[in-house]
Protein backbone atom coordinates (compact mmCIF):
# COMPACT_ATOMS: atom_id res chain seq x y z
CA MET A 1 0.00 0.00 0.00
CA LYS A 2 1.29 3.48 -0.84
CA ALA A 3 -0.05 7.00 -0.52
CA VAL A 4 -1.26 8.44 -3.81
CA PHE A 5 -1.76 12.02 -2.63
CA GLU A 6 -2.46 14.10 0.46
CA VAL A 7 -4.54 17.22 1.07
CA TYR A 8 -3.21 19.43 3.84
CA PRO A 9 -5.10 21.63 6.37
CA VAL A 10 -4.09 24.78 4.49
CA VAL A 11 -6.59 23.70 1.79
CA ASN A 12 -9.58 22.77 3.97
CA GLY A 13 -8.95 24.73 7.16
CA SER A 14 -8.42 23.27 10.60
CA GLY A 15 -11.18 20.94 11.80
CA VAL A 16 -13.48 18.21 10.51
CA VAL A 17 -13.15 17.32 6.82
CA LYS A 18 -16.00 15.93 4.70
CA PHE A 19 -15.32 14.12 1.42
CA SER A 20 -17.22 12.20 -1.23
CA TRP A 21 -16.02 10.06 -4.17
CA GLN A 22 -17.82 10.34 -7.48
CA LYS A 23 -20.20 7.42 -8.04
CA GLU A 24 -19.91 5.01 -10.98
CA VAL A 25 -16.65 6.32 -12.44
CA GLY A 26 -14.70 7.45 -9.38
CA ASN A 27 -12.72 10.07 -11.28
CA TYR A 28 -13.35 12.94 -8.88
CA LEU A 29 -13.10 13.50 -5.13
CA ALA A 30 -14.90 16.40 -3.45
CA ILE A 31 -13.37 17.66 -0.19
CA THR A 32 -14.42 20.46 2.16
CA GLY A 33 -13.69 21.68 5.66
CA ALA A 34 -13.85 24.65 8.00
CA ASN A 35 -12.98 27.17 5.30
CA LYS A 36 -16.37 26.59 3.60
CA VAL A 37 -14.87 25.80 0.19
CA VAL A 38 -15.47 22.55 -1.72
CA ASN A 39 -12.34 21.54 -3.64
CA ILE A 40 -12.36 18.97 -6.44
CA TYR A 41 -9.46 16.58 -7.09
CA ASP A 42 -9.07 13.87 -9.68
CA ARG A 43 -8.04 10.32 -8.73
CA HIS A 44 -4.36 11.17 -9.20
CA GLY A 45 -4.50 14.11 -6.79
CA GLU A 46 -4.59 16.89 -9.35
CA HIS A 47 -6.49 19.85 -7.97
CA LYS A 48 -9.15 21.19 -10.35
CA SER A 49 -8.37 24.82 -9.63
CA ASP A 50 -11.02 26.03 -12.09
CA VAL A 51 -13.71 24.55 -9.83
CA LEU A 52 -14.27 26.25 -6.49
CA ILE A 53 -17.59 25.86 -4.72
CA ILE A 54 -17.62 28.68 -2.16
CA LEU A 55 -20.32 28.08 0.44
CA PRO A 56 -21.99 30.71 2.66
CA GLY A 57 -21.92 28.25 5.58
CA LEU A 58 -20.33 24.99 6.65
CA CYS A 59 -21.04 21.94 4.52
CA THR A 60 -23.52 19.58 6.17
CA SER A 61 -23.73 16.93 3.45
CA MET A 62 -22.42 16.01 -0.02
CA ASP A 63 -23.72 13.38 -2.43
CA TRP A 64 -23.23 12.42 -6.09
CA ASP A 65 -26.14 11.40 -8.29
CA LYS A 66 -26.45 7.82 -9.55
CA ASP A 67 -24.36 8.43 -12.69
CA GLY A 68 -21.73 10.58 -11.02
CA ASP A 69 -22.74 13.55 -13.20
CA THR A 70 -23.83 15.98 -10.48
CA LEU A 71 -22.52 16.73 -7.00
CA ALA A 72 -25.02 18.20 -4.52
CA VAL A 73 -23.80 20.13 -1.48
CA SER A 74 -25.92 21.32 1.45
CA GLN A 75 -24.80 23.96 3.92
CA ASP A 76 -25.93 25.39 7.26
CA LYS A 77 -26.28 29.11 6.48
CA ASN A 78 -29.54 29.20 4.50
CA GLY A 79 -31.83 27.20 2.20
CA VAL A 80 -29.64 27.30 -0.92
CA LEU A 81 -28.24 24.02 -2.27
CA PHE A 82 -25.10 24.02 -4.45
CA MET A 83 -24.69 21.69 -7.43
CA TRP A 84 -21.65 21.01 -9.63
CA ASP A 85 -21.89 19.48 -13.12
CA VAL A 86 -18.85 17.35 -14.04
CA HIS A 87 -19.34 17.84 -17.78
CA SER A 88 -19.76 21.62 -17.95
CA PHE A 89 -17.79 22.31 -14.74
CA GLU A 90 -20.55 24.79 -13.87
CA VAL A 91 -21.69 25.46 -10.30
CA THR A 92 -25.38 26.27 -9.90
CA LYS A 93 -27.46 27.29 -6.90
CA LEU A 94 -30.81 25.70 -6.18
CA ASP A 95 -33.12 27.85 -4.06
CA THR A 96 -35.11 25.28 -2.10
CA GLY A 97 -37.61 27.90 -0.96
CA LEU A 98 -36.98 26.80 2.62
CA LYS A 99 -35.61 29.54 4.87
CA GLU A 100 -33.81 27.39 7.42
CA SER A 101 -30.40 25.70 7.09
CA LEU A 102 -30.03 22.49 5.12
CA THR A 103 -28.83 19.40 6.98
CA LEU A 104 -28.94 16.56 4.47
CA CYS A 105 -28.93 15.90 0.70
CA LEU A 106 -29.41 12.41 -0.74
CA TRP A 107 -29.72 11.29 -4.36
CA ALA A 108 -32.01 8.35 -5.11
CA LYS A 109 -30.28 5.13 -6.20
CA HIS A 110 -31.87 4.76 -9.64
CA THR A 111 -33.53 8.09 -10.51
CA HIS A 112 -32.65 11.79 -10.72
CA LEU A 113 -34.54 12.55 -7.50
CA LEU A 114 -32.79 14.45 -4.72
CA ALA A 115 -34.01 14.60 -1.10
CA VAL A 116 -33.05 17.65 0.96
CA GLY A 117 -33.65 17.79 4.73
CA THR A 118 -33.58 20.86 6.97
CA SER A 119 -32.85 21.91 10.54
CA LYS A 120 -36.58 22.32 11.24
CA GLY A 121 -37.62 18.91 9.96
CA ASN A 122 -38.88 20.01 6.55
CA LEU A 123 -38.16 18.07 3.36
CA LEU A 124 -37.73 18.99 -0.29
CA LEU A 125 -37.85 16.46 -3.13
CA TYR A 126 -36.23 17.79 -6.30
CA ASN A 127 -36.27 16.13 -9.72
CA HIS A 128 -33.08 17.29 -11.40
CA ARG A 129 -34.29 16.25 -14.86
CA THR A 130 -37.70 17.97 -14.81
CA ARG A 131 -36.71 20.70 -12.27
CA ARG A 132 -39.84 19.87 -10.28
CA LYS A 133 -39.70 20.74 -6.57
CA ILE A 134 -41.98 19.13 -3.97
CA PRO A 135 -41.76 20.77 -0.53
CA ILE A 136 -43.05 18.69 2.38
CA LEU A 137 -43.38 20.84 5.49
CA GLY A 138 -43.41 19.16 8.88
CA LYS A 139 -42.09 15.78 7.76
CA HIS A 140 -40.36 15.83 11.15
CA THR A 141 -40.67 18.24 14.06
CA ARG A 142 -36.93 18.71 14.57
CA LYS A 143 -33.69 18.55 12.58
CA ILE A 144 -33.41 15.75 9.98
CA THR A 145 -30.07 14.10 10.69
CA CYS A 146 -29.82 10.97 8.54
CA GLY A 147 -31.50 9.14 5.70
CA ALA A 148 -31.29 6.58 2.92
CA TRP A 149 -33.04 5.67 -0.34
CA SER A 150 -34.06 2.11 -1.10
CA SER A 151 -33.72 0.40 -4.48
CA GLU A 152 -37.54 0.64 -4.71
CA ASN A 153 -37.40 4.45 -4.39
CA LEU A 154 -38.52 4.64 -0.77
CA LEU A 155 -36.95 7.30 1.44
CA ALA A 156 -36.17 6.63 5.12
CA LEU A 157 -35.38 9.62 7.32
CA GLY A 158 -34.28 9.96 10.94
CA SER A 159 -34.56 13.06 13.08
CA GLU A 160 -33.67 14.62 16.42
CA ASP A 161 -37.38 14.19 17.24
CA LYS A 162 -36.57 10.47 17.67
CA THR A 163 -38.80 9.24 14.89
CA LEU A 164 -38.18 7.23 11.73
CA THR A 165 -40.30 7.94 8.65
CA ILE A 166 -40.51 5.99 5.40
CA SER A 167 -41.92 7.91 2.44
CA ASN A 168 -42.55 7.35 -1.26
CA ALA A 169 -41.07 9.38 -4.11
CA GLU A 170 -43.91 11.92 -3.80
CA GLY A 171 -43.12 12.56 -0.15
CA ASP A 172 -46.14 10.75 1.30
CA THR A 173 -45.40 9.12 4.66
CA LEU A 174 -46.05 5.38 4.34
CA LYS A 175 -44.74 4.26 7.72
CA GLN A 176 -43.59 5.98 10.89
CA THR A 177 -42.27 4.74 14.21
CA THR A 178 -41.00 6.26 17.43
CA LEU A 179 -37.44 5.54 18.53
CA ARG A 180 -35.92 5.40 22.01
CA ALA A 181 -32.90 7.53 21.12
CA GLU A 182 -31.59 9.77 18.37
CA PRO A 183 -30.99 7.85 15.11
CA TYR A 184 -27.78 7.60 13.10
CA ASN A 185 -26.72 5.78 9.94
CA ILE A 186 -29.94 4.54 8.34
CA GLN A 187 -29.66 1.69 5.82
CA PHE A 188 -32.07 -0.40 3.76
CA SER A 189 -31.54 -4.13 3.31
CA VAL A 190 -33.20 -7.54 3.09
CA VAL A 191 -34.05 -9.36 6.33
CA LYS A 192 -33.58 -13.13 6.17
CA SER A 193 -36.81 -15.13 6.04
CA GLU A 194 -38.11 -18.46 4.83
CA GLN A 195 -39.51 -16.69 1.77
CA LYS A 196 -36.67 -15.52 -0.41
CA THR A 197 -37.04 -11.93 -1.58
CA SER A 198 -34.83 -9.53 -3.47
CA GLU A 199 -36.72 -6.42 -2.35
CA GLU A 200 -35.26 -4.35 0.46
CA ASN A 201 -37.85 -5.04 3.13
CA ALA A 202 -36.07 -3.71 6.22
CA VAL A 203 -34.62 -0.50 7.60
CA SER A 204 -31.79 -0.52 10.12
CA VAL A 205 -30.63 2.42 12.22
CA VAL A 206 -28.21 3.00 15.10
CA LEU A 207 -29.85 4.51 18.19
CA GLY A 208 -27.76 6.72 20.46
CA HIS A 209 -24.59 4.94 19.26
CA LYS A 210 -25.57 2.07 21.58
CA THR A 211 -28.13 -0.21 19.93
CA LEU A 212 -29.12 -1.32 16.43
CA PHE A 213 -32.81 -1.01 15.55
CA LEU A 214 -34.23 -3.32 12.86
CA TYR A 215 -37.57 -2.31 11.35
CA ASP A 216 -39.18 -4.98 9.19
CA MET A 217 -41.57 -3.20 6.82
CA ASP A 218 -43.53 -6.43 6.32
CA ASN A 219 -43.96 -6.87 10.08
CA THR A 220 -43.95 -3.38 11.58
CA GLY A 221 -45.52 -4.49 14.86
CA LYS A 222 -42.42 -6.40 15.91
CA PRO A 223 -39.29 -4.28 15.49
CA ILE A 224 -36.06 -5.63 16.95
CA GLU A 225 -33.60 -3.58 18.97
CA LEU A 226 -30.22 -5.25 19.43
CA ALA A 227 -28.19 -4.26 22.50
CA PHE A 228 -24.53 -5.12 22.98
CA GLN A 229 -22.17 -5.56 25.90
CA PRO A 230 -20.99 -2.23 27.38
CA ARG A 231 -17.37 -3.37 27.11
CA TYR A 232 -17.67 -3.14 23.31
CA GLY A 233 -18.04 0.64 23.48
CA GLU A 234 -20.20 2.67 21.10
CA ILE A 235 -21.24 1.56 17.62
CA VAL A 236 -18.98 3.30 15.10
CA THR A 237 -20.27 1.77 11.88
CA TYR A 238 -22.03 -1.29 10.43
CA LYS A 239 -22.57 -2.95 7.07
CA TRP A 240 -25.07 -5.45 5.68
CA TYR A 241 -23.64 -8.29 3.61
CA GLY A 242 -24.50 -11.72 2.23
CA ASP A 243 -27.84 -13.30 3.07
CA GLY A 244 -29.03 -11.03 5.87
CA PHE A 245 -25.82 -10.69 7.90
CA ILE A 246 -24.54 -7.50 9.55
CA MET A 247 -20.96 -6.58 10.46
CA ILE A 248 -20.68 -4.08 13.34
CA GLY A 249 -17.58 -2.17 14.47
CA PHE A 250 -17.28 -0.68 17.96
CA SER A 251 -15.25 2.17 19.45
CA LEU A 252 -13.23 -0.09 21.76
CA GLY A 253 -11.96 -2.32 18.98
CA PHE A 254 -14.59 -5.07 18.99
CA PHE A 255 -16.05 -6.44 15.76
CA VAL A 256 -19.29 -8.44 15.75
CA VAL A 257 -21.16 -10.34 13.02
CA ILE A 258 -24.85 -11.13 13.48
CA SER A 259 -27.58 -12.83 11.48
CA THR A 260 -31.00 -11.21 11.06
CA HIS A 261 -32.83 -14.53 10.71
CA ARG A 262 -35.34 -14.64 13.59
CA GLU A 263 -34.65 -18.31 14.26
CA GLU A 264 -30.89 -17.88 14.58
């Protein structure tokens, strides 16, 4: 293993750095930090100096669309979303019409639909191809902090109001459940069952960095909350793999693999 390139604090400013690789092709890397500037590098470390996305506030989220053609960037100063086109190298501003700061932007997996969450729990769905905007006020009562799209174009969102919502591509709430703690890192996947299915029928989310909540959309009355030994520390990250298995990494160095089959 060898280092290909490094980006130093003089570029991003001192503090937390956010970055996002271009989807599909992986030619570009977007990086931003405390200086409120999004810099673009290619895979060899060459800085694209003709592209500078200067934000009015700190970046809260970055995401590439399904083809890697457009980078969306949300920021915490106002309701304006920034978008960069990799073909024209143009930076455009999307006025969401929402006055509060933006906290989350997520492209759908298979369409040109972008979900934008805000600090007050409002949601905007934006179709980049048709330019249609669908504002959904009051989707949550507090800041939207995390989310994920499913392969079937369902949108799961988590909020500081300790609720999980699952909506369709029009923004209609299909399912909602109350959580015991603040949610982090929402993911869709397939829960193991006797009936084989390829559809993502479950939503998983970390609660308070301590437990993993499994919400079966086919059996919403019986969610599962998995607790772990305190000596493991906090949940840092997790990943679904294989036939309904989950890998979980903890802050104190422990690594656990579990099966989601109810009989195991």
